[in-house]
């Protein structure tokens, strides 16, 4: 189990390496591993500039909670389209084909908490 998962701590945003994604968005991995209570978790923050194309729709074999830190997202899932903005939380159930897209005039930033299932796989 990674040491970062065994004790309480602060993860400082400016120390997390930024990764450019193929669609032009940026992600920062916060943590990834197994909690002492047994759950597999992964947490990352993504930032999409205005006009950034979404990642292709994809299915997950885990559960995700997406917490919108700033901006406005369009959430496509289960044949539906919903809008989420600052402070809103999206629940992406296991097996859901989904994507999110920034539909605002400025950047959209959001945290993605993945729990269980295939959280050991890289995220799109």
Protein backbone atom coordinates (compact mmCIF):
# COMPACT_ATOMS: atom_id res chain seq x y z
CA UNK A 1 0.00 0.00 0.00
CA UNK A 2 1.47 3.41 -0.92
CA UNK A 3 2.61 5.46 2.06
CA UNK A 4 0.42 8.34 0.85
CA UNK A 5 -2.63 6.19 1.59
CA UNK A 6 -1.67 5.19 5.15
CA UNK A 7 -1.71 8.51 6.98
CA UNK A 8 -3.50 11.84 6.90
CA UNK A 9 -1.87 14.59 4.87
CA UNK A 10 -2.33 17.51 2.50
CA UNK A 11 -1.71 17.10 -1.23
CA UNK A 12 -0.49 20.49 -2.47
CA UNK A 13 -1.81 21.29 -5.95
CA UNK A 14 1.39 23.06 -7.07
CA UNK A 15 3.46 19.92 -6.32
CA UNK A 16 1.32 17.61 -8.46
CA UNK A 17 2.80 17.09 -11.95
CA UNK A 18 0.51 18.25 -14.76
CA UNK A 19 -0.16 15.90 -17.67
CA UNK A 20 -1.44 17.13 -21.05
CA UNK A 21 -4.12 14.86 -22.46
CA UNK A 22 -4.65 14.12 -26.19
CA UNK A 23 -7.73 16.39 -26.31
CA UNK A 24 -5.78 19.38 -24.93
CA UNK A 25 -7.09 19.16 -21.37
CA UNK A 26 -4.76 18.90 -18.39
CA UNK A 27 -4.85 16.43 -15.47
CA UNK A 28 -3.06 16.11 -12.15
CA UNK A 29 -3.08 12.79 -10.33
CA UNK A 30 -3.58 13.24 -6.58
CA UNK A 31 -3.60 9.68 -5.28
CA UNK A 32 -4.01 6.13 -6.46
CA UNK A 33 -4.07 2.88 -4.51
CA UNK A 34 -5.77 0.94 -1.79
CA UNK A 35 -7.03 2.51 1.41
CA UNK A 36 -6.30 0.80 4.76
CA UNK A 37 -10.02 -0.10 4.80
CA UNK A 38 -9.60 -2.08 1.57
CA UNK A 39 -11.21 0.13 -1.11
CA UNK A 40 -9.32 0.85 -4.33
CA UNK A 41 -9.44 4.60 -5.04
CA UNK A 42 -7.95 7.05 -7.49
CA UNK A 43 -8.32 10.83 -7.44
CA UNK A 44 -7.31 13.29 -10.14
CA UNK A 45 -8.18 16.84 -11.12
CA UNK A 46 -8.88 17.74 -14.72
CA UNK A 47 -9.04 21.17 -16.33
CA UNK A 48 -10.67 21.71 -19.72
CA UNK A 49 -10.20 25.05 -21.45
CA UNK A 50 -13.24 26.57 -23.16
CA UNK A 51 -13.80 24.87 -26.51
CA UNK A 52 -11.78 21.76 -25.59
CA UNK A 53 -13.25 18.67 -27.25
CA UNK A 54 -14.38 16.08 -24.71
CA UNK A 55 -12.60 12.79 -24.25
CA UNK A 56 -14.41 10.10 -26.25
CA UNK A 57 -17.36 8.53 -24.44
CA UNK A 58 -16.15 5.55 -22.45
CA UNK A 59 -17.40 2.91 -20.01
CA UNK A 60 -15.92 2.38 -16.57
CA UNK A 61 -15.74 -0.70 -14.36
CA UNK A 62 -15.79 1.35 -11.16
CA UNK A 63 -17.86 4.17 -9.67
CA UNK A 64 -16.91 7.84 -10.13
CA UNK A 65 -17.87 10.98 -8.29
CA UNK A 66 -17.04 14.10 -10.31
CA UNK A 67 -16.98 17.28 -8.23
CA UNK A 68 -17.12 20.49 -10.29
CA UNK A 69 -14.67 23.01 -8.78
CA UNK A 70 -15.31 25.74 -11.37
CA UNK A 71 -17.01 26.21 -14.71
CA UNK A 72 -19.88 24.43 -16.43
CA UNK A 73 -19.87 20.88 -17.77
CA UNK A 74 -22.22 19.00 -20.05
CA UNK A 75 -22.54 15.42 -18.79
CA UNK A 76 -23.58 12.81 -21.38
CA UNK A 77 -24.70 9.46 -19.94
CA UNK A 78 -27.32 6.80 -20.51
CA UNK A 79 -28.71 8.68 -23.53
CA UNK A 80 -29.19 11.83 -21.40
CA UNK A 81 -27.47 15.20 -21.34
CA UNK A 82 -27.30 17.13 -18.07
CA UNK A 83 -25.61 20.38 -17.11
CA UNK A 84 -23.44 20.73 -13.99
CA UNK A 85 -21.74 23.84 -12.65
CA UNK A 86 -19.56 24.97 -9.76
CA UNK A 87 -20.30 22.94 -6.64
CA UNK A 88 -22.33 20.24 -8.40
CA UNK A 89 -21.45 16.56 -8.11
CA UNK A 90 -21.93 13.96 -10.85
CA UNK A 91 -22.37 10.28 -10.05
CA UNK A 92 -21.11 7.96 -12.79
CA UNK A 93 -22.32 4.44 -12.02
CA UNK A 94 -20.28 1.36 -12.90
CA UNK A 95 -20.73 0.41 -16.56
CA UNK A 96 -22.04 3.83 -17.66
CA UNK A 97 -21.06 5.06 -21.12
CA UNK A 98 -20.29 8.72 -20.45
CA UNK A 99 -18.35 11.87 -21.30
CA UNK A 100 -18.07 15.42 -19.95
CA UNK A 101 -17.52 18.59 -21.96
CA UNK A 102 -16.80 22.17 -20.94
CA UNK A 103 -19.65 24.31 -22.26
CA UNK A 104 -18.67 27.53 -20.48
CA UNK A 105 -16.73 30.59 -21.62
CA UNK A 106 -13.75 29.89 -19.33
CA UNK A 107 -11.93 26.84 -18.01
CA UNK A 108 -13.81 24.06 -16.23
CA UNK A 109 -11.99 22.31 -13.37
CA UNK A 110 -13.24 19.18 -11.66
CA UNK A 111 -12.05 16.40 -9.38
CA UNK A 112 -12.72 12.77 -10.30
CA UNK A 113 -12.83 10.25 -7.44
CA UNK A 114 -12.84 6.67 -8.73
CA UNK A 115 -13.82 3.95 -6.26
CA UNK A 116 -13.47 0.18 -6.64
CA UNK A 117 -13.35 -1.92 -9.78
CA UNK A 118 -10.67 -1.08 -12.33
CA UNK A 119 -9.22 2.00 -10.61
CA UNK A 120 -5.76 0.53 -11.21
CA UNK A 121 -6.22 1.24 -14.95
CA UNK A 122 -5.20 4.62 -16.45
CA UNK A 123 -8.07 7.07 -16.91
CA UNK A 124 -8.85 8.68 -20.27
